[in-house]
Amino acid sequence: MWAKFMETKSGYAAEIWKELLNNCAVSVRVVKKSGAGIADETDECEIYVPWGKTHVAAEILRKS
């Protein structure tokens, strides 16, 4: 089960957060807000993390 963690204003920012969380052993899914398809640099995105890792992702976000 995936939980919505945050929203970003661009696909570029979403990829940066994805890299950071992946390097800290947290899986990430990036979903375009406008629907299906691959996100590009200008699309607003939502970032999802596994349900049991939301507290870990929040701590990583707080420390960065």
C-alpha atoms as a PDB file:
ATOM      1  CA  MET A   1       0.000   0.000   0.000  1.00  0.00           C
ATOM      2  CA  TRP A   2       1.307   3.440  -0.946  1.00  0.00           C
ATOM      3  CA  ALA A   3       0.682   6.685   0.925  1.00  0.00           C
ATOM      4  CA  LYS A   4       0.805  10.170  -0.585  1.00  0.00           C
ATOM      5  CA  PHE A   5       3.812  11.901   0.914  1.00  0.00           C
ATOM      6  CA  MET A   6       4.118  15.253  -0.854  1.00  0.00           C
ATOM      7  CA  GLU A   7       3.344  17.301  -3.955  1.00  0.00           C
ATOM      8  CA  THR A   8       5.900  19.046  -6.148  1.00  0.00           C
ATOM      9  CA  LYS A   9       5.505  21.858  -8.652  1.00  0.00           C
ATOM     10  CA  SER A  10       7.721  20.192 -11.265  1.00  0.00           C
ATOM     11  CA  GLY A  11       8.810  16.780 -12.428  1.00  0.00           C
ATOM     12  CA  TYR A  12      12.402  17.881 -11.948  1.00  0.00           C
ATOM     13  CA  ALA A  13      11.861  18.515  -8.227  1.00  0.00           C
ATOM     14  CA  ALA A  14      10.052  15.189  -7.916  1.00  0.00           C
ATOM     15  CA  GLU A  15      13.046  13.377  -9.391  1.00  0.00           C
ATOM     16  CA  ILE A  16      15.399  15.122  -6.958  1.00  0.00           C
ATOM     17  CA  TRP A  17      13.270  14.015  -3.980  1.00  0.00           C
ATOM     18  CA  LYS A  18      13.032  10.512  -5.454  1.00  0.00           C
ATOM     19  CA  GLU A  19      16.836  10.274  -5.693  1.00  0.00           C
ATOM     20  CA  LEU A  20      17.285  11.490  -2.108  1.00  0.00           C
ATOM     21  CA  LEU A  21      14.715   9.074  -0.665  1.00  0.00           C
ATOM     22  CA  ASN A  22      15.982   6.145  -2.747  1.00  0.00           C
ATOM     23  CA  ASN A  23      19.524   6.768  -1.475  1.00  0.00           C
ATOM     24  CA  CYS A  24      18.119   6.460   2.056  1.00  0.00           C
ATOM     25  CA  ALA A  25      16.442   3.109   1.241  1.00  0.00           C
ATOM     26  CA  VAL A  26      12.892   4.444   0.839  1.00  0.00           C
ATOM     27  CA  SER A  27      10.994   3.350  -2.272  1.00  0.00           C
ATOM     28  CA  VAL A  28       9.237   6.139  -4.173  1.00  0.00           C
ATOM     29  CA  ARG A  29       6.559   6.402  -6.840  1.00  0.00           C
ATOM     30  CA  VAL A  30       6.177   9.655  -8.772  1.00  0.00           C
ATOM     31  CA  VAL A  31       2.743  10.251 -10.329  1.00  0.00           C
ATOM     32  CA  LYS A  32       1.749  13.153 -12.577  1.00  0.00           C
ATOM     33  CA  LYS A  33      -1.185  15.108 -11.164  1.00  0.00           C
ATOM     34  CA  SER A  34      -2.722  15.498 -14.626  1.00  0.00           C
ATOM     35  CA  GLY A  35      -3.078  11.734 -15.176  1.00  0.00           C
ATOM     36  CA  ALA A  36      -1.255   8.777 -16.650  1.00  0.00           C
ATOM     37  CA  GLY A  37       1.977   8.990 -18.567  1.00  0.00           C
ATOM     38  CA  ILE A  38       5.570   9.847 -17.925  1.00  0.00           C
ATOM     39  CA  ALA A  39       6.165  13.100 -16.060  1.00  0.00           C
ATOM     40  CA  ASP A  40       8.403  15.701 -17.641  1.00  0.00           C
ATOM     41  CA  GLU A  41      10.163  18.657 -16.047  1.00  0.00           C
ATOM     42  CA  THR A  42       7.157  21.000 -16.046  1.00  0.00           C
ATOM     43  CA  ASP A  43       4.383  18.698 -14.768  1.00  0.00           C
ATOM     44  CA  GLU A  44       3.131  18.939 -11.198  1.00  0.00           C
ATOM     45  CA  CYS A  45       3.662  15.595  -9.459  1.00  0.00           C
ATOM     46  CA  GLU A  46       2.718  13.685  -6.340  1.00  0.00           C
ATOM     47  CA  ILE A  47       5.226  11.549  -4.474  1.00  0.00           C
ATOM     48  CA  TYR A  48       4.106   8.313  -2.836  1.00  0.00           C
ATOM     49  CA  VAL A  49       6.058   6.191  -0.351  1.00  0.00           C
ATOM     50  CA  PRO A  50       5.202   2.804   1.212  1.00  0.00           C
ATOM     51  CA  TRP A  51       2.645   3.092   4.010  1.00  0.00           C
ATOM     52  CA  GLY A  52       5.093   1.938   6.714  1.00  0.00           C
ATOM     53  CA  LYS A  53       7.878   4.302   5.605  1.00  0.00           C
ATOM     54  CA  THR A  54       6.095   7.651   5.849  1.00  0.00           C
ATOM     55  CA  HIS A  55       7.742   8.457   9.185  1.00  0.00           C
ATOM     56  CA  VAL A  56      11.165   7.610   7.746  1.00  0.00           C
ATOM     57  CA  ALA A  57      10.569   9.829   4.698  1.00  0.00           C
ATOM     58  CA  ALA A  58       9.362  12.666   6.944  1.00  0.00           C
ATOM     59  CA  GLU A  59      12.521  12.414   9.061  1.00  0.00           C
ATOM     60  CA  ILE A  60      14.713  12.491   5.928  1.00  0.00           C
ATOM     61  CA  LEU A  61      12.815  15.554   4.690  1.00  0.00           C
ATOM     62  CA  ARG A  62      13.227  17.248   8.077  1.00  0.00           C
ATOM     63  CA  LYS A  63      16.998  16.651   8.134  1.00  0.00           C
ATOM     64  CA  SER A  64      17.663  17.802   4.575  1.00  0.00           C
END
